[in-house]
Amino acid sequence: MAIQVSAEIATVYQILDGSLHHARCGRRLIVQGRSTEELHCYCLMCVESVWLPLCLLVRPAGADGTIGSPWG
């Protein structure tokens, strides 16, 4: 018997101050924790957990070619 698993895609965006926002409601996500591969966020408005792969949070390279950390 096959077990069905729901894997809904969550969309987020980052604003200029570096904070992450839930695209569904536009509210700021609260960071709850971090594993070696993912950042665990939570949306208080939608009452929803959002897991983000850390590789998606790397900032683009600057003019000097260096890549900065997403945490400053």
Protein backbone atom coordinates (compact mmCIF):
# COMPACT_ATOMS: atom_id res chain seq x y z
CA MET A 1 0.00 0.00 0.00
CA ALA A 2 1.46 3.33 -1.06
CA ILE A 3 1.50 6.21 1.40
CA GLN A 4 0.64 9.60 -0.05
CA VAL A 5 2.71 12.51 1.21
CA SER A 6 1.75 16.13 0.70
CA ALA A 7 4.68 18.29 -0.39
CA GLU A 8 3.26 21.76 -0.92
CA ILE A 9 5.61 24.32 -2.40
CA ALA A 10 6.01 27.48 -0.32
CA THR A 11 7.08 30.72 -1.95
CA VAL A 12 9.07 33.31 -0.05
CA TYR A 13 10.86 36.52 -0.92
CA GLN A 14 13.59 38.57 0.71
CA ILE A 15 13.31 42.34 1.14
CA LEU A 16 16.18 44.82 1.22
CA ASP A 17 16.73 44.55 4.99
CA GLY A 18 17.40 40.81 4.53
CA SER A 19 14.21 39.50 6.17
CA LEU A 20 12.23 36.69 4.57
CA HIS A 21 8.51 37.11 3.85
CA HIS A 22 5.82 34.57 3.02
CA ALA A 23 4.53 35.27 -0.50
CA ARG A 24 1.04 33.95 0.30
CA CYS A 25 0.26 36.62 2.92
CA GLY A 26 3.22 39.03 2.72
CA ARG A 27 4.08 38.63 6.42
CA ARG A 28 7.61 38.32 7.80
CA LEU A 29 8.66 34.74 8.53
CA ILE A 30 9.99 33.84 11.95
CA VAL A 31 13.10 31.67 11.96
CA GLN A 32 12.59 28.74 14.32
CA GLY A 33 15.70 26.72 13.72
CA ARG A 34 18.31 25.46 11.34
CA SER A 35 19.66 22.08 10.33
CA THR A 36 22.81 21.45 8.33
CA GLU A 37 20.84 21.77 5.09
CA GLU A 38 17.66 23.75 5.80
CA LEU A 39 16.34 26.81 7.58
CA HIS A 40 13.05 26.24 9.42
CA CYS A 41 10.75 29.27 9.33
CA TYR A 42 7.18 29.80 10.50
CA CYS A 43 4.40 32.08 9.30
CA LEU A 44 2.18 33.28 12.15
CA MET A 45 -0.53 34.52 9.78
CA CYS A 46 -0.93 31.29 7.80
CA VAL A 47 0.07 29.02 10.73
CA GLU A 48 2.45 27.22 8.41
CA SER A 49 5.97 25.86 8.62
CA VAL A 50 8.31 26.72 5.75
CA TRP A 51 11.55 24.81 5.19
CA LEU A 52 14.13 26.54 3.00
CA PRO A 53 17.29 24.92 1.64
CA LEU A 54 20.31 26.92 2.81
CA CYS A 55 21.77 26.92 -0.71
CA LEU A 56 18.90 29.21 -1.79
CA LEU A 57 19.82 31.85 0.78
CA VAL A 58 23.30 32.63 -0.51
CA ARG A 59 23.62 36.18 -1.78
CA PRO A 60 24.89 36.85 -5.30
CA ALA A 61 28.56 37.66 -5.76
CA GLY A 62 29.60 41.25 -5.19
CA ALA A 63 31.70 43.41 -7.52
CA ASP A 64 34.88 41.89 -6.07
CA GLY A 65 33.63 38.32 -6.74
CA THR A 66 33.04 37.36 -3.10
CA ILE A 67 29.80 35.76 -1.95
CA GLY A 68 28.49 36.98 1.39
CA SER A 69 26.67 35.01 4.05
CA PRO A 70 22.86 35.41 4.18
CA TRP A 71 23.27 36.38 7.87
CA GLY A 72 25.49 39.39 7.28
